[in-house]
Amino acid sequence: MSTPINPYRGFRFPAAIINEAVWLYHCFSLSLREVELILAARGIEVRACWWQARPGWR
């Protein structure tokens, strides 16, 4: 039995933080800067440029 492939392997942040950021971005039509500010208010310091650079995330 093989282990499932982790789609977040190699990312800087845990999957829960990435999921939260993507959820905010898509569900509420927020800008990357707004998502960054919301996460910062929750105590999660990110820079929008690191996940903006991934292909297919725009």
Foldseek 3Di string as FASTA:
>chain_A
DDDDDDPCPPPPDDPVLVVQLLCCCPVVVDDLVVSQVVVVVVVDHDDSVVVVPDPPSD
